[in-house]
């Protein structure tokens, strides 16, 4: 989704850098297209989410896993459509970075029967990915005394964090 994203840490992100964003749909991977300018130049109502951080090597492993699940979900949905002889053309499947949502995209009007198929597949593949705990840890921190949340990740409190070393932002 192309949009304007605020970086809460006011960090500068170069063009074409892959980033993690919080959008109305959840945590997603994006790519910086251009710099917005100073925060005072962009109205808050123009913002469509937050640019949380650049992707890390650990994120790339997650993205590879999501891609495998996306491919399997696409094939499973396509097979079910053929098996049940439903006249619908599946174009793409999108799995969000947080593993919470999976979206099936179809060409043209979608018959009512497709909704039950995609709901069932969504539950199946969301359960297989099992990123809920990871997502919650990124959002809330790893527990009492951690002091680390997505907005504070990379501070000196990383030494106590369960994600320490895994999030890729621990200070040196």
C-alpha atoms as a PDB file:
ATOM      1  CA  UNK A   1       0.000   0.000   0.000  1.00  0.00           C
ATOM      2  CA  UNK A   2       1.471   3.344  -0.989  1.00  0.00           C
ATOM      3  CA  UNK A   3       1.019   5.941   1.715  1.00  0.00           C
ATOM      4  CA  UNK A   4       2.616   8.402   4.078  1.00  0.00           C
ATOM      5  CA  UNK A   5       4.209   6.858   7.134  1.00  0.00           C
ATOM      6  CA  UNK A   6       5.536   8.657  10.180  1.00  0.00           C
ATOM      7  CA  UNK A   7       8.814   7.499  11.732  1.00  0.00           C
ATOM      8  CA  UNK A   8       8.227   8.005  15.499  1.00  0.00           C
ATOM      9  CA  UNK A   9      11.985   8.072  16.122  1.00  0.00           C
ATOM     10  CA  UNK A  10      12.424  10.815  13.437  1.00  0.00           C
ATOM     11  CA  UNK A  11      15.098   8.652  11.852  1.00  0.00           C
ATOM     12  CA  UNK A  12      15.975   9.266   8.204  1.00  0.00           C
ATOM     13  CA  UNK A  13      15.330   6.318   5.879  1.00  0.00           C
ATOM     14  CA  UNK A  14      16.982   6.340   2.464  1.00  0.00           C
ATOM     15  CA  UNK A  15      15.021   5.704  -0.704  1.00  0.00           C
ATOM     16  CA  UNK A  16      14.505   2.010  -1.593  1.00  0.00           C
ATOM     17  CA  UNK A  17      15.218   0.752   1.963  1.00  0.00           C
ATOM     18  CA  UNK A  18      13.003  -2.167   3.045  1.00  0.00           C
ATOM     19  CA  UNK A  19      11.155  -1.333   6.272  1.00  0.00           C
ATOM     20  CA  UNK A  20       8.593  -2.647   8.748  1.00  0.00           C
ATOM     21  CA  UNK A  21       5.462  -0.479   9.002  1.00  0.00           C
ATOM     22  CA  UNK A  22       2.421  -0.504  11.259  1.00  0.00           C
ATOM     23  CA  UNK A  23      -0.610   0.046   9.026  1.00  0.00           C
ATOM     24  CA  UNK A  24      -4.342  -0.166   9.672  1.00  0.00           C
ATOM     25  CA  UNK A  25      -4.075  -3.813   8.507  1.00  0.00           C
ATOM     26  CA  UNK A  26      -1.209  -4.788  10.863  1.00  0.00           C
ATOM     27  CA  UNK A  27       2.585  -5.081  10.583  1.00  0.00           C
ATOM     28  CA  UNK A  28       3.674  -5.014   6.957  1.00  0.00           C
ATOM     29  CA  UNK A  29       6.895  -4.878   5.010  1.00  0.00           C
ATOM     30  CA  UNK A  30       7.334  -1.860   2.784  1.00  0.00           C
ATOM     31  CA  UNK A  31       9.878  -0.002   0.753  1.00  0.00           C
ATOM     32  CA  UNK A  32      10.703   3.693   1.122  1.00  0.00           C
ATOM     33  CA  UNK A  33       9.799   5.491  -2.112  1.00  0.00           C
ATOM     34  CA  UNK A  34      10.786   9.018  -1.079  1.00  0.00           C
ATOM     35  CA  UNK A  35      11.364  11.236   1.920  1.00  0.00           C
ATOM     36  CA  UNK A  36       8.342  13.154   3.224  1.00  0.00           C
ATOM     37  CA  UNK A  37      10.197  16.121   4.611  1.00  0.00           C
ATOM     38  CA  UNK A  38      10.059  17.584   8.077  1.00  0.00           C
ATOM     39  CA  UNK A  39       7.302  16.323  10.413  1.00  0.00           C
ATOM     40  CA  UNK A  40       5.870  19.855  10.600  1.00  0.00           C
ATOM     41  CA  UNK A  41       5.305  19.811   6.812  1.00  0.00           C
ATOM     42  CA  UNK A  42       3.066  16.724   6.918  1.00  0.00           C
ATOM     43  CA  UNK A  43      -0.315  16.896   8.564  1.00  0.00           C
ATOM     44  CA  UNK A  44      -1.216  14.130  10.991  1.00  0.00           C
ATOM     45  CA  UNK A  45      -4.348  13.327   8.967  1.00  0.00           C
ATOM     46  CA  UNK A  46      -2.125  12.499   5.976  1.00  0.00           C
ATOM     47  CA  UNK A  47      -0.380   9.696   7.903  1.00  0.00           C
ATOM     48  CA  UNK A  48      -1.463   6.150   7.112  1.00  0.00           C
ATOM     49  CA  UNK A  49       0.743   4.398   9.635  1.00  0.00           C
ATOM     50  CA  UNK A  50       4.120   4.304  11.298  1.00  0.00           C
ATOM     51  CA  UNK A  51       7.465   3.350   9.819  1.00  0.00           C
ATOM     52  CA  UNK A  52       8.933   1.345  12.708  1.00  0.00           C
ATOM     53  CA  UNK A  53      12.383   0.282  11.508  1.00  0.00           C
ATOM     54  CA  UNK A  54      14.515  -1.107   8.701  1.00  0.00           C
ATOM     55  CA  UNK A  55      14.298  -4.839   8.097  1.00  0.00           C
ATOM     56  CA  UNK A  56      16.982  -7.066   9.579  1.00  0.00           C
ATOM     57  CA  UNK A  57      18.541 -10.390   8.623  1.00  0.00           C
ATOM     58  CA  UNK A  58      16.104 -12.086  11.032  1.00  0.00           C
ATOM     59  CA  UNK A  59      13.221 -10.356   9.235  1.00  0.00           C
ATOM     60  CA  UNK A  60      14.439 -11.789   5.939  1.00  0.00           C
ATOM     61  CA  UNK A  61      14.131 -15.302   7.385  1.00  0.00           C
ATOM     62  CA  UNK A  62      10.570 -14.528   8.458  1.00  0.00           C
ATOM     63  CA  UNK A  63       9.779 -13.141   5.009  1.00  0.00           C
ATOM     64  CA  UNK A  64      11.102 -16.301   3.354  1.00  0.00           C
ATOM     65  CA  UNK A  65       8.899 -18.416   5.615  1.00  0.00           C
ATOM     66  CA  UNK A  66       5.883 -16.221   4.880  1.00  0.00           C
ATOM     67  CA  UNK A  67       6.564 -16.565   1.156  1.00  0.00           C
ATOM     68  CA  UNK A  68       6.542 -20.357   1.425  1.00  0.00           C
ATOM     69  CA  UNK A  69       3.223 -20.241   3.309  1.00  0.00           C
ATOM     70  CA  UNK A  70       1.859 -17.747   0.782  1.00  0.00           C
ATOM     71  CA  UNK A  71       2.749 -20.080  -2.078  1.00  0.00           C
ATOM     72  CA  UNK A  72       1.136 -23.052  -0.307  1.00  0.00           C
ATOM     73  CA  UNK A  73      -1.995 -21.032   0.499  1.00  0.00           C
ATOM     74  CA  UNK A  74      -2.257 -19.929  -3.142  1.00  0.00           C
ATOM     75  CA  UNK A  75      -1.969 -23.516  -4.382  1.00  0.00           C
ATOM     76  CA  UNK A  76      -4.409 -24.852  -1.767  1.00  0.00           C
ATOM     77  CA  UNK A  77      -6.993 -22.191  -2.618  1.00  0.00           C
ATOM     78  CA  UNK A  78      -6.588 -22.751  -6.343  1.00  0.00           C
ATOM     79  CA  UNK A  79      -6.953 -26.531  -5.859  1.00  0.00           C
ATOM     80  CA  UNK A  80     -10.120 -26.094  -3.753  1.00  0.00           C
ATOM     81  CA  UNK A  81     -11.652 -23.779  -6.347  1.00  0.00           C
ATOM     82  CA  UNK A  82     -11.046 -26.383  -9.068  1.00  0.00           C
ATOM     83  CA  UNK A  83     -12.162 -29.271  -6.858  1.00  0.00           C
ATOM     84  CA  UNK A  84     -15.454 -27.548  -5.992  1.00  0.00           C
ATOM     85  CA  UNK A  85     -15.812 -26.274  -9.566  1.00  0.00           C
ATOM     86  CA  UNK A  86     -16.121 -22.649  -8.463  1.00  0.00           C
ATOM     87  CA  UNK A  87     -15.721 -20.153 -11.264  1.00  0.00           C
ATOM     88  CA  UNK A  88     -13.289 -17.691  -9.668  1.00  0.00           C
ATOM     89  CA  UNK A  89      -9.808 -16.596 -10.719  1.00  0.00           C
ATOM     90  CA  UNK A  90      -7.306 -16.348  -7.865  1.00  0.00           C
ATOM     91  CA  UNK A  91      -4.728 -13.662  -8.687  1.00  0.00           C
ATOM     92  CA  UNK A  92      -2.586 -13.358  -5.561  1.00  0.00           C
ATOM     93  CA  UNK A  93      -2.255 -14.165  -1.866  1.00  0.00           C
ATOM     94  CA  UNK A  94      -0.707 -11.729   0.592  1.00  0.00           C
ATOM     95  CA  UNK A  95       0.481 -12.679   4.067  1.00  0.00           C
ATOM     96  CA  UNK A  96       1.237  -9.738   6.387  1.00  0.00           C
ATOM     97  CA  UNK A  97       4.557  -9.637   8.234  1.00  0.00           C
ATOM     98  CA  UNK A  98       2.961 -10.158  11.645  1.00  0.00           C
ATOM     99  CA  UNK A  99       1.401 -13.410  10.424  1.00  0.00           C
ATOM    100  CA  UNK A 100      -2.013 -12.319  11.654  1.00  0.00           C
ATOM    101  CA  UNK A 101      -3.697 -11.689   8.327  1.00  0.00           C
ATOM    102  CA  UNK A 102      -3.751 -13.402   4.983  1.00  0.00           C
ATOM    103  CA  UNK A 103      -5.501 -11.833   2.004  1.00  0.00           C
ATOM    104  CA  UNK A 104      -6.753 -13.636  -1.107  1.00  0.00           C
ATOM    105  CA  UNK A 105      -7.182 -11.510  -4.232  1.00  0.00           C
ATOM    106  CA  UNK A 106      -9.529 -12.533  -7.048  1.00  0.00           C
ATOM    107  CA  UNK A 107     -10.216 -11.225 -10.528  1.00  0.00           C
ATOM    108  CA  UNK A 108     -13.750  -9.895 -11.026  1.00  0.00           C
ATOM    109  CA  UNK A 109     -16.795 -10.768  -8.948  1.00  0.00           C
ATOM    110  CA  UNK A 110     -16.278 -13.422  -6.299  1.00  0.00           C
ATOM    111  CA  UNK A 111     -18.992 -16.062  -5.810  1.00  0.00           C
ATOM    112  CA  UNK A 112     -20.337 -16.431  -2.264  1.00  0.00           C
ATOM    113  CA  UNK A 113     -18.859 -19.952  -1.919  1.00  0.00           C
ATOM    114  CA  UNK A 114     -15.344 -18.501  -2.101  1.00  0.00           C
ATOM    115  CA  UNK A 115     -15.722 -16.713   1.254  1.00  0.00           C
ATOM    116  CA  UNK A 116     -15.964 -19.975   3.207  1.00  0.00           C
ATOM    117  CA  UNK A 117     -12.938 -21.391   1.380  1.00  0.00           C
ATOM    118  CA  UNK A 118     -10.751 -18.343   2.050  1.00  0.00           C
ATOM    119  CA  UNK A 119     -11.879 -18.132   5.697  1.00  0.00           C
ATOM    120  CA  UNK A 120     -10.928 -21.776   6.238  1.00  0.00           C
ATOM    121  CA  UNK A 121      -7.587 -21.359   4.458  1.00  0.00           C
ATOM    122  CA  UNK A 122      -6.888 -18.157   6.388  1.00  0.00           C
ATOM    123  CA  UNK A 123      -7.362 -19.980   9.688  1.00  0.00           C
ATOM    124  CA  UNK A 124      -5.220 -22.894   8.523  1.00  0.00           C
ATOM    125  CA  UNK A 125      -2.282 -20.791   7.331  1.00  0.00           C
ATOM    126  CA  UNK A 126      -2.422 -18.298  10.200  1.00  0.00           C
ATOM    127  CA  UNK A 127      -2.164 -21.240  12.614  1.00  0.00           C
ATOM    128  CA  UNK A 128       0.747 -22.742  10.686  1.00  0.00           C
ATOM    129  CA  UNK A 129       2.733 -19.531  10.723  1.00  0.00           C
ATOM    130  CA  UNK A 130       2.202 -18.988  14.471  1.00  0.00           C
ATOM    131  CA  UNK A 131       3.663 -15.507  14.697  1.00  0.00           C
ATOM    132  CA  UNK A 132       1.184 -14.146  17.241  1.00  0.00           C
ATOM    133  CA  UNK A 133       3.578 -14.433  20.186  1.00  0.00           C
ATOM    134  CA  UNK A 134       6.376 -12.883  18.133  1.00  0.00           C
ATOM    135  CA  UNK A 135       4.075 -10.031  17.051  1.00  0.00           C
ATOM    136  CA  UNK A 136       2.955  -9.402  20.631  1.00  0.00           C
ATOM    137  CA  UNK A 137       6.554  -9.395  21.856  1.00  0.00           C
ATOM    138  CA  UNK A 138       7.523  -6.865  19.193  1.00  0.00           C
ATOM    139  CA  UNK A 139       4.589  -4.681  20.160  1.00  0.00           C
ATOM    140  CA  UNK A 140       4.594  -5.016  23.959  1.00  0.00           C
ATOM    141  CA  UNK A 141       8.097  -6.115  24.949  1.00  0.00           C
ATOM    142  CA  UNK A 142       9.038  -9.478  26.406  1.00  0.00           C
ATOM    143  CA  UNK A 143       7.749  -9.016  29.931  1.00  0.00           C
ATOM    144  CA  UNK A 144       8.067  -7.188  33.238  1.00  0.00           C
ATOM    145  CA  UNK A 145      11.289  -5.237  33.564  1.00  0.00           C
ATOM    146  CA  UNK A 146      12.128  -5.545  29.902  1.00  0.00           C
ATOM    147  CA  UNK A 147      11.498  -1.917  29.039  1.00  0.00           C
ATOM    148  CA  UNK A 148      11.655  -2.773  25.368  1.00  0.00           C
ATOM    149  CA  UNK A 149       8.813  -2.224  22.953  1.00  0.00           C
ATOM    150  CA  UNK A 150       8.865  -1.616  19.233  1.00  0.00           C
ATOM    151  CA  UNK A 151       9.190   2.097  19.911  1.00  0.00           C
ATOM    152  CA  UNK A 152      12.122   1.643  22.330  1.00  0.00           C
ATOM    153  CA  UNK A 153      13.871  -1.295  20.677  1.00  0.00           C
ATOM    154  CA  UNK A 154      17.586  -0.694  20.403  1.00  0.00           C
ATOM    155  CA  UNK A 155      17.988   1.111  23.706  1.00  0.00           C
ATOM    156  CA  UNK A 156      20.245   0.017  26.563  1.00  0.00           C
ATOM    157  CA  UNK A 157      17.403  -2.096  27.989  1.00  0.00           C
ATOM    158  CA  UNK A 158      18.041  -4.750  25.300  1.00  0.00           C
ATOM    159  CA  UNK A 159      20.228  -6.750  27.671  1.00  0.00           C
ATOM    160  CA  UNK A 160      17.134  -8.028  29.515  1.00  0.00           C
ATOM    161  CA  UNK A 161      14.995  -8.532  26.407  1.00  0.00           C
ATOM    162  CA  UNK A 162      13.962 -11.966  25.107  1.00  0.00           C
ATOM    163  CA  UNK A 163      14.479 -10.643  21.592  1.00  0.00           C
ATOM    164  CA  UNK A 164      18.010  -9.499  22.402  1.00  0.00           C
ATOM    165  CA  UNK A 165      20.191 -10.279  19.461  1.00  0.00           C
ATOM    166  CA  UNK A 166      17.184 -11.537  17.486  1.00  0.00           C
ATOM    167  CA  UNK A 167      15.725  -8.159  16.694  1.00  0.00           C
ATOM    168  CA  UNK A 168      19.011  -6.945  15.245  1.00  0.00           C
ATOM    169  CA  UNK A 169      18.982  -3.572  16.996  1.00  0.00           C
ATOM    170  CA  UNK A 170      20.893  -4.264  20.219  1.00  0.00           C
ATOM    171  CA  UNK A 171      23.333  -1.418  20.855  1.00  0.00           C
ATOM    172  CA  UNK A 172      26.988  -2.276  20.592  1.00  0.00           C
END
